[in-house]
N, C-alpha and C. Protein backbone atom coordinates (compact mmCIF):
# COMPACT_ATOMS: atom_id res chain seq x y z
N MET A 1 63.45 41.29 130.39
CA MET A 1 63.26 40.19 129.48
C MET A 1 62.09 40.53 128.56
N GLN A 2 62.27 40.38 127.27
CA GLN A 2 61.24 40.66 126.27
C GLN A 2 60.81 39.35 125.64
N GLU A 3 59.51 39.11 125.57
CA GLU A 3 59.01 37.87 124.97
C GLU A 3 58.27 38.20 123.69
N LEU A 4 58.58 37.47 122.64
CA LEU A 4 57.91 37.63 121.36
C LEU A 4 57.14 36.36 121.08
N ASN A 5 55.82 36.43 121.04
CA ASN A 5 55.01 35.25 120.74
C ASN A 5 54.68 35.25 119.26
N MET A 6 55.07 34.20 118.58
CA MET A 6 54.77 34.10 117.17
C MET A 6 53.25 33.97 117.00
N GLY A 7 52.69 34.63 116.01
CA GLY A 7 51.27 34.55 115.77
C GLY A 7 50.54 35.81 116.16
N TYR A 8 51.24 36.79 116.69
CA TYR A 8 50.62 38.04 117.07
C TYR A 8 51.38 39.18 116.44
N ASN A 9 50.67 40.21 116.01
CA ASN A 9 51.38 41.36 115.47
C ASN A 9 51.70 42.32 116.60
N SER A 10 52.24 43.48 116.30
CA SER A 10 52.76 44.37 117.33
C SER A 10 51.69 44.89 118.28
N VAL A 11 50.41 44.84 117.93
CA VAL A 11 49.38 45.29 118.84
C VAL A 11 48.67 44.14 119.52
N GLY A 12 49.18 42.92 119.33
CA GLY A 12 48.68 41.77 120.06
C GLY A 12 47.46 41.10 119.45
N THR A 13 47.13 41.39 118.21
CA THR A 13 46.01 40.72 117.58
C THR A 13 46.49 39.54 116.76
N THR A 14 45.65 38.55 116.60
CA THR A 14 46.03 37.37 115.85
C THR A 14 46.14 37.70 114.37
N VAL A 15 47.14 37.15 113.74
CA VAL A 15 47.36 37.35 112.30
C VAL A 15 46.68 36.21 111.57
N ASP A 16 45.92 36.52 110.54
CA ASP A 16 45.19 35.52 109.76
C ASP A 16 46.10 34.93 108.69
N ALA A 17 46.33 33.62 108.72
CA ALA A 17 47.23 32.97 107.76
C ALA A 17 46.63 32.93 106.36
N ASP A 18 45.32 33.17 106.22
CA ASP A 18 44.69 33.14 104.91
C ASP A 18 44.83 34.45 104.16
N THR A 19 45.43 35.46 104.78
CA THR A 19 45.60 36.73 104.11
C THR A 19 46.95 36.79 103.45
N ASP A 20 47.12 37.77 102.60
CA ASP A 20 48.40 37.97 101.94
C ASP A 20 49.26 38.98 102.69
N SER A 21 48.92 39.26 103.93
CA SER A 21 49.66 40.25 104.70
C SER A 21 51.03 39.72 105.06
N PRO A 22 52.03 40.62 105.24
CA PRO A 22 53.38 40.18 105.58
C PRO A 22 53.43 39.39 106.88
N GLY A 23 52.50 39.62 107.77
CA GLY A 23 52.51 38.92 109.05
C GLY A 23 51.91 37.53 109.00
N ALA A 24 51.39 37.13 107.85
CA ALA A 24 50.75 35.81 107.75
C ALA A 24 51.72 34.69 108.09
N SER A 25 53.02 34.87 107.81
CA SER A 25 53.99 33.82 108.12
C SER A 25 54.13 33.61 109.62
N TRP A 26 53.78 34.62 110.42
CA TRP A 26 53.83 34.44 111.87
C TRP A 26 52.91 33.32 112.29
N ASP A 27 51.73 33.24 111.66
CA ASP A 27 50.77 32.20 112.01
C ASP A 27 51.32 30.82 111.66
N MET A 28 52.06 30.73 110.55
CA MET A 28 52.68 29.46 110.18
C MET A 28 53.69 29.05 111.25
N ALA A 29 54.47 30.00 111.77
CA ALA A 29 55.41 29.70 112.83
C ALA A 29 54.67 29.24 114.08
N GLU A 30 53.48 29.78 114.29
CA GLU A 30 52.69 29.39 115.45
C GLU A 30 52.28 27.93 115.39
N LYS A 31 52.21 27.35 114.20
CA LYS A 31 51.86 25.94 114.07
C LYS A 31 52.83 25.05 114.84
N ILE A 32 54.07 25.50 114.98
CA ILE A 32 55.03 24.70 115.73
C ILE A 32 55.25 25.27 117.13
N GLY A 33 54.45 26.29 117.51
CA GLY A 33 54.51 26.83 118.86
C GLY A 33 55.85 27.41 119.22
N LEU A 34 56.21 28.50 118.59
CA LEU A 34 57.53 29.11 118.76
C LEU A 34 57.44 30.37 119.61
N ASP A 35 58.20 30.44 120.70
CA ASP A 35 58.33 31.64 121.50
C ASP A 35 59.78 32.08 121.45
N MET A 36 60.01 33.39 121.35
CA MET A 36 61.37 33.94 121.37
C MET A 36 61.44 34.94 122.52
N ILE A 37 62.45 34.77 123.35
CA ILE A 37 62.62 35.60 124.53
C ILE A 37 64.03 36.13 124.55
N THR A 38 64.19 37.45 124.71
CA THR A 38 65.53 38.01 124.82
C THR A 38 65.95 38.02 126.28
N GLU A 39 67.22 37.76 126.50
CA GLU A 39 67.82 37.76 127.83
C GLU A 39 69.03 38.67 127.80
N ALA A 40 69.65 38.90 128.94
CA ALA A 40 70.79 39.81 129.03
C ALA A 40 71.93 39.44 128.08
N ASN A 41 72.34 38.18 128.08
CA ASN A 41 73.47 37.76 127.25
C ASN A 41 73.08 36.83 126.12
N GLY A 42 71.84 36.86 125.73
CA GLY A 42 71.44 35.97 124.66
C GLY A 42 69.95 35.99 124.46
N ALA A 43 69.47 34.92 123.86
CA ALA A 43 68.04 34.80 123.59
C ALA A 43 67.66 33.33 123.65
N VAL A 44 66.37 33.09 123.86
CA VAL A 44 65.84 31.73 123.92
C VAL A 44 64.77 31.58 122.85
N VAL A 45 64.89 30.51 122.08
CA VAL A 45 63.85 30.10 121.15
C VAL A 45 63.27 28.83 121.76
N ALA A 46 62.04 28.94 122.23
CA ALA A 46 61.39 27.80 122.88
C ALA A 46 60.34 27.21 121.95
N PHE A 47 60.51 25.93 121.65
CA PHE A 47 59.53 25.21 120.86
C PHE A 47 58.46 24.70 121.81
N LYS A 48 57.20 25.04 121.56
CA LYS A 48 56.11 24.68 122.46
C LYS A 48 55.29 23.48 121.99
N SER A 49 55.49 23.07 120.75
CA SER A 49 54.74 21.95 120.20
C SER A 49 55.47 20.64 120.49
N ALA A 50 54.72 19.60 120.79
CA ALA A 50 55.33 18.28 121.04
C ALA A 50 55.87 17.66 119.76
N SER A 51 55.27 18.02 118.61
CA SER A 51 55.68 17.46 117.34
C SER A 51 55.96 18.59 116.35
N ILE A 52 57.20 18.68 115.89
CA ILE A 52 57.59 19.74 114.95
C ILE A 52 57.87 19.08 113.61
N THR A 53 56.81 19.03 112.79
CA THR A 53 56.93 18.37 111.50
C THR A 53 56.37 19.19 110.35
N ASP A 54 55.66 20.26 110.64
CA ASP A 54 55.02 21.07 109.61
C ASP A 54 56.08 21.85 108.82
N VAL A 55 56.20 21.53 107.54
CA VAL A 55 57.23 22.14 106.68
C VAL A 55 57.06 23.65 106.61
N GLU A 56 55.83 24.12 106.39
CA GLU A 56 55.59 25.56 106.31
C GLU A 56 55.89 26.24 107.64
N GLY A 57 55.52 25.59 108.73
CA GLY A 57 55.78 26.15 110.05
C GLY A 57 57.27 26.26 110.34
N ILE A 58 58.03 25.25 109.98
CA ILE A 58 59.49 25.28 110.20
C ILE A 58 60.13 26.34 109.32
N THR A 59 59.70 26.44 108.07
CA THR A 59 60.23 27.46 107.17
C THR A 59 59.93 28.86 107.69
N SER A 60 58.71 29.06 108.14
CA SER A 60 58.30 30.35 108.69
C SER A 60 59.09 30.67 109.97
N ALA A 61 59.25 29.68 110.82
CA ALA A 61 60.02 29.87 112.05
C ALA A 61 61.46 30.27 111.72
N ALA A 62 62.05 29.62 110.73
CA ALA A 62 63.43 29.95 110.33
C ALA A 62 63.52 31.41 109.89
N GLN A 63 62.54 31.87 109.13
CA GLN A 63 62.54 33.27 108.68
C GLN A 63 62.42 34.23 109.86
N ARG A 64 61.55 33.91 110.81
CA ARG A 64 61.36 34.77 112.00
C ARG A 64 62.63 34.78 112.86
N ILE A 65 63.25 33.64 113.03
CA ILE A 65 64.48 33.58 113.83
C ILE A 65 65.59 34.36 113.13
N GLN A 66 65.72 34.22 111.82
CA GLN A 66 66.75 34.95 111.10
C GLN A 66 66.52 36.45 111.17
N GLN A 67 65.26 36.88 111.08
CA GLN A 67 64.95 38.30 111.22
C GLN A 67 65.34 38.78 112.62
N PHE A 68 65.01 38.00 113.63
CA PHE A 68 65.37 38.33 115.01
C PHE A 68 66.89 38.45 115.15
N LEU A 69 67.64 37.52 114.56
CA LEU A 69 69.10 37.58 114.63
C LEU A 69 69.64 38.83 113.95
N ASP A 70 69.08 39.17 112.81
CA ASP A 70 69.52 40.38 112.10
C ASP A 70 69.32 41.63 112.95
N GLU A 71 68.23 41.66 113.69
CA GLU A 71 67.90 42.83 114.49
C GLU A 71 68.62 42.88 115.83
N ASN A 72 68.94 41.73 116.41
CA ASN A 72 69.45 41.68 117.79
C ASN A 72 70.86 41.14 117.95
N GLN A 73 71.31 40.28 117.07
CA GLN A 73 72.62 39.64 117.13
C GLN A 73 73.00 39.18 118.55
N PRO A 74 72.20 38.26 119.11
CA PRO A 74 72.54 37.76 120.45
C PRO A 74 73.85 36.96 120.42
N ARG A 75 74.59 37.01 121.51
CA ARG A 75 75.83 36.26 121.62
C ARG A 75 75.55 34.76 121.70
N ARG A 76 74.47 34.40 122.36
CA ARG A 76 74.09 32.99 122.50
C ARG A 76 72.60 32.86 122.23
N LEU A 77 72.26 31.85 121.42
CA LEU A 77 70.86 31.53 121.16
C LEU A 77 70.61 30.14 121.69
N ILE A 78 69.69 30.04 122.62
CA ILE A 78 69.35 28.78 123.25
C ILE A 78 68.08 28.24 122.60
N PHE A 79 68.16 27.05 122.03
CA PHE A 79 66.99 26.37 121.49
C PHE A 79 66.47 25.46 122.59
N ASP A 80 65.30 25.79 123.15
CA ASP A 80 64.72 25.04 124.26
C ASP A 80 63.75 23.99 123.71
N PHE A 81 64.09 22.73 123.91
CA PHE A 81 63.31 21.59 123.40
C PHE A 81 62.47 20.93 124.49
N GLU A 82 62.23 21.59 125.60
CA GLU A 82 61.55 20.96 126.72
C GLU A 82 60.22 20.29 126.34
N ALA A 83 59.42 20.92 125.50
CA ALA A 83 58.11 20.39 125.15
C ALA A 83 58.13 19.41 123.97
N VAL A 84 59.26 19.30 123.29
CA VAL A 84 59.32 18.55 122.03
C VAL A 84 59.53 17.05 122.27
N LYS A 85 58.70 16.27 121.60
CA LYS A 85 58.81 14.80 121.65
C LYS A 85 59.23 14.21 120.31
N PHE A 86 59.02 14.97 119.21
CA PHE A 86 59.33 14.48 117.86
C PHE A 86 59.58 15.67 116.96
N PHE A 87 60.54 15.54 116.03
CA PHE A 87 60.74 16.58 115.03
C PHE A 87 61.22 15.97 113.73
N SER A 88 60.99 16.69 112.64
CA SER A 88 61.43 16.22 111.32
C SER A 88 62.88 16.65 111.10
N SER A 89 63.49 16.04 110.11
CA SER A 89 64.89 16.36 109.80
C SER A 89 65.05 17.80 109.33
N GLN A 90 63.98 18.41 108.83
CA GLN A 90 64.07 19.81 108.41
C GLN A 90 64.46 20.71 109.58
N LEU A 91 64.06 20.35 110.78
CA LEU A 91 64.43 21.15 111.95
C LEU A 91 65.93 21.13 112.17
N LEU A 92 66.59 20.01 111.88
CA LEU A 92 68.05 19.96 112.00
C LEU A 92 68.69 20.96 111.04
N GLY A 93 68.15 21.07 109.84
CA GLY A 93 68.63 22.06 108.88
C GLY A 93 68.46 23.48 109.40
N LEU A 94 67.32 23.75 110.01
CA LEU A 94 67.10 25.07 110.61
C LEU A 94 68.17 25.37 111.65
N LEU A 95 68.42 24.41 112.53
CA LEU A 95 69.41 24.61 113.60
C LEU A 95 70.80 24.89 113.02
N LEU A 96 71.18 24.14 112.01
CA LEU A 96 72.50 24.32 111.40
C LEU A 96 72.61 25.66 110.68
N ASN A 97 71.55 26.08 109.99
CA ASN A 97 71.56 27.37 109.31
C ASN A 97 71.66 28.53 110.30
N ILE A 98 70.92 28.44 111.39
CA ILE A 98 70.97 29.50 112.41
C ILE A 98 72.34 29.51 113.07
N ARG A 99 72.90 28.35 113.32
CA ARG A 99 74.24 28.27 113.91
C ARG A 99 75.26 28.96 113.00
N ALA A 100 75.19 28.72 111.70
CA ALA A 100 76.12 29.34 110.75
C ALA A 100 75.97 30.86 110.76
N LYS A 101 74.74 31.33 110.83
CA LYS A 101 74.50 32.78 110.86
C LYS A 101 75.09 33.39 112.14
N LEU A 102 74.92 32.72 113.27
CA LEU A 102 75.45 33.21 114.54
C LEU A 102 76.98 33.27 114.54
N ARG A 103 77.59 32.29 113.93
CA ARG A 103 79.06 32.21 113.91
C ARG A 103 79.69 33.38 113.15
N LYS A 104 78.94 34.02 112.25
CA LYS A 104 79.46 35.16 111.49
C LYS A 104 79.86 36.30 112.40
N TYR A 105 79.23 36.39 113.58
CA TYR A 105 79.61 37.44 114.54
C TYR A 105 79.96 36.83 115.91
N ASP A 106 80.57 35.66 115.86
CA ASP A 106 81.06 34.96 117.05
C ASP A 106 79.96 34.59 118.04
N GLY A 107 78.75 34.38 117.54
CA GLY A 107 77.68 33.91 118.38
C GLY A 107 77.65 32.39 118.37
N GLU A 108 76.84 31.83 119.24
CA GLU A 108 76.73 30.37 119.28
C GLU A 108 75.29 29.95 119.52
N ALA A 109 74.96 28.78 119.03
CA ALA A 109 73.66 28.17 119.26
C ALA A 109 73.86 26.97 120.17
N VAL A 110 73.03 26.88 121.21
CA VAL A 110 73.09 25.75 122.13
C VAL A 110 71.68 25.17 122.26
N ILE A 111 71.61 23.98 122.80
CA ILE A 111 70.34 23.27 122.93
C ILE A 111 70.10 22.92 124.39
N SER A 112 68.87 23.16 124.84
CA SER A 112 68.54 22.83 126.22
C SER A 112 67.32 21.93 126.29
N ALA A 113 67.27 21.16 127.35
CA ALA A 113 66.11 20.35 127.75
C ALA A 113 65.63 19.39 126.69
N ILE A 114 66.55 18.79 125.96
CA ILE A 114 66.15 17.82 124.94
C ILE A 114 66.02 16.44 125.58
N ASN A 115 65.01 15.70 125.18
CA ASN A 115 64.82 14.39 125.81
C ASN A 115 65.83 13.39 125.23
N PRO A 116 66.11 12.32 125.96
CA PRO A 116 67.15 11.36 125.54
C PRO A 116 66.91 10.73 124.16
N GLN A 117 65.65 10.49 123.81
CA GLN A 117 65.38 9.89 122.51
C GLN A 117 65.74 10.85 121.38
N LEU A 118 65.46 12.13 121.55
CA LEU A 118 65.81 13.11 120.52
C LEU A 118 67.32 13.37 120.51
N TYR A 119 67.94 13.30 121.67
CA TYR A 119 69.40 13.48 121.71
C TYR A 119 70.09 12.40 120.87
N ARG A 120 69.52 11.22 120.83
CA ARG A 120 70.08 10.13 120.01
C ARG A 120 70.19 10.53 118.54
N VAL A 121 69.23 11.31 118.05
CA VAL A 121 69.27 11.78 116.66
C VAL A 121 70.51 12.65 116.46
N PHE A 122 70.78 13.51 117.41
CA PHE A 122 71.98 14.36 117.32
C PHE A 122 73.25 13.51 117.38
N ARG A 123 73.25 12.50 118.23
CA ARG A 123 74.42 11.64 118.36
C ARG A 123 74.64 10.81 117.09
N ILE A 124 73.59 10.25 116.54
CA ILE A 124 73.69 9.43 115.33
C ILE A 124 74.20 10.25 114.14
N THR A 125 73.79 11.51 114.07
CA THR A 125 74.19 12.39 112.96
C THR A 125 75.47 13.17 113.27
N ASN A 126 76.10 12.86 114.39
CA ASN A 126 77.31 13.55 114.86
C ASN A 126 77.09 15.03 115.17
N LEU A 127 75.86 15.46 115.27
CA LEU A 127 75.59 16.85 115.63
C LEU A 127 75.78 17.10 117.12
N ASP A 128 75.96 16.02 117.88
CA ASP A 128 76.29 16.21 119.30
C ASP A 128 77.68 16.82 119.47
N LYS A 129 78.48 16.78 118.41
CA LYS A 129 79.81 17.40 118.43
C LYS A 129 79.76 18.84 117.93
N VAL A 130 78.64 19.23 117.34
CA VAL A 130 78.48 20.56 116.76
C VAL A 130 77.81 21.51 117.77
N PHE A 131 76.85 21.00 118.53
CA PHE A 131 76.10 21.81 119.48
C PHE A 131 76.50 21.46 120.92
N THR A 132 76.37 22.45 121.79
CA THR A 132 76.53 22.22 123.22
C THR A 132 75.13 22.01 123.79
N PHE A 133 75.00 21.04 124.69
CA PHE A 133 73.72 20.68 125.26
C PHE A 133 73.70 20.99 126.75
N PHE A 134 72.54 21.47 127.21
CA PHE A 134 72.34 21.77 128.63
C PHE A 134 71.08 21.05 129.09
N PRO A 135 71.06 20.63 130.35
CA PRO A 135 69.90 19.87 130.83
C PRO A 135 68.61 20.68 130.88
N ASP A 136 68.73 22.01 131.02
CA ASP A 136 67.55 22.86 131.07
C ASP A 136 67.91 24.28 130.65
N ARG A 137 66.90 25.09 130.42
CA ARG A 137 67.08 26.47 129.97
C ARG A 137 67.88 27.29 130.97
N GLU A 138 67.61 27.09 132.24
CA GLU A 138 68.27 27.88 133.28
C GLU A 138 69.78 27.66 133.29
N SER A 139 70.22 26.42 133.14
CA SER A 139 71.67 26.17 133.13
C SER A 139 72.31 26.75 131.88
N ALA A 140 71.62 26.75 130.75
CA ALA A 140 72.14 27.37 129.53
C ALA A 140 72.26 28.87 129.71
N LEU A 141 71.29 29.48 130.37
CA LEU A 141 71.34 30.93 130.64
C LEU A 141 72.47 31.26 131.62
N ARG A 142 72.63 30.44 132.65
CA ARG A 142 73.73 30.67 133.61
C ARG A 142 75.07 30.59 132.90
N ALA A 143 75.25 29.62 132.04
CA ALA A 143 76.50 29.48 131.30
C ALA A 143 76.74 30.71 130.40
N ALA A 144 75.67 31.26 129.83
CA ALA A 144 75.80 32.46 129.00
C ALA A 144 76.23 33.65 129.84
N ASN A 145 75.73 33.71 131.07
CA ASN A 145 76.06 34.84 131.95
C ASN A 145 77.47 34.76 132.52
N THR A 146 78.02 33.54 132.60
CA THR A 146 79.37 33.40 133.14
C THR A 146 80.42 33.33 132.04
N GLY A 147 79.98 33.05 130.81
CA GLY A 147 80.91 32.88 129.69
C GLY A 147 81.14 34.15 129.02
């Protein structure tokens, strides 16, 4: 299992968001606490922040996830919402864009560990029919291994 922590470059030093370096966007993704972990049959994007509302952070996270998809093309991408209590509608756009990218090579995006209040947003917007939901990351990974 390989873990990629947003906000660190390849040698593990913090990237300064005030610089014009290409890695500065990693720090923006860190504002929403994004971890990416590769697994045998897929990958996990874990949101670590309780509130995902920072526009720059979401945009940066989308770029990092798309770069990861280009490089790895996982069959299943699990979005882990265990720590999330609130998110902006821009995050729904991110999820839909990543889902469309995955479908180009028969991949899928699923959601794990979302709390009932946030699940209501998916139900109200009919996105509960677009994504598959799992009670926790482990069950989503098991389903990836058996599917």
